Protein backbone atom coordinates (compact mmCIF):
# COMPACT_ATOMS: atom_id res chain seq x y z
CA MET A 1 33.21 97.76 68.84
CA ASP A 2 35.12 100.31 71.04
CA GLU A 3 32.89 102.96 68.70
CA GLU A 4 29.59 101.71 69.65
CA LEU A 5 30.46 101.17 73.56
CA SER A 6 31.81 105.18 73.56
CA THR A 7 29.01 106.17 72.35
CA LEU A 8 26.64 103.77 74.74
CA ARG A 9 28.42 105.79 77.38
CA LYS A 10 27.47 108.81 76.24
CA THR A 11 24.11 108.19 75.73
CA TYR A 12 23.50 106.25 79.02
CA THR A 13 26.42 107.67 81.04
CA TRP A 14 27.92 104.29 82.89
CA ASP A 15 31.26 103.98 84.06
CA LEU A 16 32.87 100.20 83.34
CA VAL A 17 33.88 99.36 87.06
CA PRO A 18 34.71 96.07 88.76
CA LEU A 19 31.60 94.95 90.34
CA PRO A 20 31.92 95.24 94.17
CA PRO A 21 31.43 91.92 96.41
CA SER A 22 27.60 91.50 97.62
CA LYS A 23 26.18 93.79 94.87
CA SER A 24 24.07 92.37 92.37
CA VAL A 25 24.13 92.83 88.60
CA VAL A 26 21.29 93.53 86.30
CA GLY A 27 20.90 92.11 82.60
CA CYS A 28 19.85 94.27 79.81
CA CYS A 29 19.33 93.68 75.65
CA TRP A 30 17.89 95.84 72.76
CA VAL A 31 14.47 96.55 72.23
CA TYR A 32 13.71 97.40 68.23
CA LYS A 33 10.44 98.86 67.60
CA ILE A 34 9.38 100.72 64.30
CA LYS A 35 7.04 103.30 64.53
CA THR A 36 4.39 103.53 61.80
CA ASN A 37 2.85 106.29 60.19
CA SER A 38 -1.49 106.38 60.24
CA ASN A 39 -1.33 105.29 56.82
CA GLY A 40 0.97 102.29 57.74
CA SER A 41 4.42 104.03 56.10
CA ASN A 42 7.25 103.10 58.53
CA GLU A 43 8.52 106.45 60.15
CA ARG A 44 11.33 105.51 61.47
CA TYR A 45 13.54 102.65 63.64
CA LYS A 46 14.37 102.55 67.06
CA ALA A 47 16.53 100.98 69.28
CA ARG A 48 16.67 101.09 72.74
CA LEU A 49 18.87 99.18 75.42
CA VAL A 50 16.83 98.32 78.32
CA ALA A 51 18.12 96.78 81.72
CA LYS A 52 16.11 93.53 82.87
CA GLY A 53 14.75 95.54 85.65
CA TYR A 54 12.24 92.34 86.39
CA SER A 55 15.43 90.86 88.05
CA GLN A 56 15.90 93.57 91.08
CA GLN A 57 14.74 92.79 94.17
CA TYR A 58 12.79 95.59 96.60
CA GLY A 59 15.33 96.05 99.29
CA MET A 60 18.20 95.18 97.53
CA ASP A 61 17.95 97.38 94.54
CA TYR A 62 15.30 99.64 94.73
CA GLU A 63 13.40 101.15 97.46
CA ASP A 64 -11.79 110.41 83.11
CA LEU A 65 -10.54 113.97 81.86
CA ILE A 66 -11.15 113.68 78.51
CA ILE A 67 -15.26 113.39 79.24
CA ILE A 68 -15.16 116.44 81.89
CA ALA A 69 -13.83 118.54 78.91
CA SER A 70 -15.84 117.09 75.92
CA VAL A 71 -19.11 118.09 78.35
CA HIS A 72 -17.43 121.61 78.85
CA GLN A 73 -15.90 121.86 75.18
CA ARG A 74 -12.04 122.46 76.43
CA TYR A 75 -9.14 122.56 73.93
CA ILE A 76 -7.79 119.17 74.32
CA SER A 77 -4.37 118.36 73.13
CA GLN A 78 -1.82 114.95 74.01
CA PHE A 79 2.20 115.32 73.91
CA ASN A 80 4.66 112.81 74.52
CA VAL A 81 8.14 113.66 76.51
CA LYS A 82 11.01 111.54 74.81
CA ASN A 83 13.15 109.56 76.47
CA ASP A 84 11.36 110.11 79.60
CA PHE A 85 12.98 108.11 82.14
CA LEU A 86 16.62 108.61 80.85
CA ASN A 87 16.30 112.54 82.16
CA GLU A 88 17.14 111.52 85.45
CA ASP A 89 20.12 110.27 87.55
CA LEU A 90 20.41 107.20 89.62
CA GLN A 91 19.99 107.93 93.12
CA GLU A 92 20.87 104.14 94.03
CA LYS A 93 24.37 102.11 92.69
CA VAL A 94 23.04 99.98 90.00
CA TYR A 95 25.10 97.75 88.07
CA MET A 96 24.63 96.32 84.79
CA MET A 97 26.23 93.84 82.48
CA PRO A 98 27.44 95.20 79.22
CA SER A 99 25.37 95.62 76.28
CA PRO A 100 25.45 92.38 74.19
CA GLY A 101 27.69 92.22 71.52
CA VAL A 102 30.22 94.95 73.10
CA SER A 103 33.55 93.18 73.89
CA HIS A 104 34.99 94.10 77.02
CA ASP A 105 36.84 92.58 80.23
CA SER A 106 34.39 90.23 81.87
CA ARG A 107 35.86 91.43 85.29
CA TYR A 108 33.58 94.20 84.35
CA VAL A 109 30.15 95.74 84.86
CA CYS A 110 29.06 99.15 83.86
CA LYS A 111 27.96 101.36 86.85
CA LEU A 112 24.84 103.24 85.79
CA LYS A 113 25.02 106.72 86.63
CA LYS A 114 21.16 107.79 85.06
CA VAL A 115 18.38 105.96 84.91
CA LEU A 116 17.72 102.92 82.18
CA TYR A 117 14.58 102.06 80.96
CA ASN A 118 12.99 98.94 82.76
CA LEU A 119 14.34 99.77 86.39
CA LYS A 120 12.34 99.75 88.66
CA GLN A 121 13.43 102.87 89.65
CA ALA A 122 12.88 104.58 86.46
CA PRO A 123 9.08 105.84 87.02
CA HIS A 124 9.52 107.04 90.24
CA ALA A 125 12.71 109.37 89.20
CA TRP A 126 10.59 110.43 86.03
CA PHE A 127 7.61 110.91 87.73
CA GLU A 128 9.86 113.18 90.78
CA LYS A 129 11.30 115.36 87.93
CA PHE A 130 8.13 115.77 86.35
CA SER A 131 6.38 117.00 89.42
CA VAL A 132 9.39 119.69 90.32
CA VAL A 133 8.85 120.84 86.99
CA ILE A 134 4.94 120.93 87.14
CA SER A 135 4.89 122.71 90.37
CA SER A 136 7.22 125.12 89.06
CA LEU A 137 5.25 125.96 86.60
CA GLY A 138 1.88 126.94 89.26
CA PHE A 139 0.00 123.42 89.35
CA VAL A 140 -1.25 121.36 91.89
CA SER A 141 -1.60 117.37 92.32
CA ASN A 142 -4.92 116.45 92.78
CA SER A 143 -5.46 115.02 96.15
CA HIS A 144 -7.04 112.05 94.90
CA ASP A 145 -5.02 111.16 91.78
CA SER A 146 -1.07 111.83 91.90
CA THR A 147 -0.98 112.12 88.21
CA LEU A 148 -3.68 114.93 87.95
CA PHE A 149 -2.25 118.17 87.91
CA ILE A 150 -4.47 121.37 87.61
CA LYS A 151 -4.11 125.59 87.81
CA CYS A 152 -6.08 127.86 87.94
CA THR A 153 -6.04 131.17 86.03
CA TYR A 154 -7.64 134.78 85.19
CA THR A 155 -9.57 132.84 82.74
CA GLY A 156 -10.67 129.67 83.78
CA ARG A 157 -7.96 126.44 84.90
CA ILE A 158 -5.68 124.20 83.04
CA ILE A 159 -6.10 120.25 83.31
CA LEU A 160 -3.13 118.40 83.13
CA SER A 161 -3.06 114.70 83.00
CA LEU A 162 0.19 112.49 82.85
CA TYR A 163 0.49 108.20 82.12
CA VAL A 164 3.93 107.68 82.11
CA ASP A 165 5.38 109.89 79.34
CA ASP A 166 1.81 110.88 77.39
CA MET A 167 -0.14 113.65 79.10
CA ILE A 168 -3.17 115.12 77.75
CA ILE A 169 -3.29 119.32 78.61
CA ASN A 170 -7.41 120.90 78.42
CA GLY A 171 -8.46 124.16 79.51
CA ASP A 172 -10.84 126.64 79.05
CA ASP A 173 -7.97 129.10 77.58
CA ILE A 174 -6.11 128.21 74.75
CA ASP A 175 -3.15 130.99 75.00
CA ASP A 176 -3.00 129.59 78.40
CA ILE A 177 -2.17 126.17 77.47
CA SER A 178 0.23 127.49 74.23
CA ILE A 179 2.39 129.39 77.05
CA LEU A 180 2.40 126.29 79.17
CA LYS A 181 3.41 124.00 75.54
CA THR A 182 6.54 126.52 75.70
CA LYS A 183 7.55 126.40 78.92
CA PHE A 184 7.42 122.48 79.05
CA ALA A 185 9.49 122.53 75.87
CA ARG A 186 12.37 124.25 78.07
CA GLN A 187 12.46 121.47 79.63
CA PHE A 188 12.08 118.44 78.23
CA GLU A 189 12.15 117.18 74.69
CA MET A 190 8.19 117.07 73.50
CA LYS A 191 6.36 115.93 70.54
CA ASN A 192 3.10 117.37 70.43
CA LEU A 193 0.66 114.51 68.95
CA GLY A 194 -2.31 117.47 68.07
CA SER A 195 -6.15 117.70 69.26
CA LEU A 196 -7.40 114.65 71.28
C-alpha cells in the first residue's frame, strides 16, 4: 500500500496533511474503463482517480465548424489531448480523502497541488492553459464562441474548435496545419485521431 500511495503522489502530486479547521474535504473514487479498437478488440485498460467534485459548493470550494470545412473542401483532422486536466497547477486549497484502499492516518487528508479530474476547477484551469498556448501560436478566440480559435496565414486560414480535450482543426494549407501539430506536441501529449 505504501508503494501505491507513493505512485499516486507522484502522479497526482499531493501532500498528506491534517485537515485545517473550517475546511471541507472532497471524496474520491477510481473509475475504470476499457478502450476498444474499431473492431471491438481491447486496445488498453484505463484507471483514473477522480475527485467527487459534485460535493463542492460554489463560493466555498471554487470560484458548426465541420459543415463549413466540408463546403469549402478544407483539410479536417481531429486530436485528443491526453490527461488534459492534469496539466495545470491548482490555485485554490482543496483537500481530498486519500484513495480507497490506501492505508493512512485517519487524521490526515490529501492537499492537492494539481487539478484532478471532476474538480469544479478542472475545466477552467485546463481552458486557461490551452488559451495561453493557442494565443502564443497566433490564434485569436472568436468573439461569439470562446472555444473557436482562428489564425490567418499567408495561404488562408486555420480554424480550431475545442471541446473539452478534443479538437478539430481545419484549414486551407496542410503545411500550416502540420506545423501547428508539431508545436502542439511540444506543449501537450497529443493523440492524433486522423482525418475527420
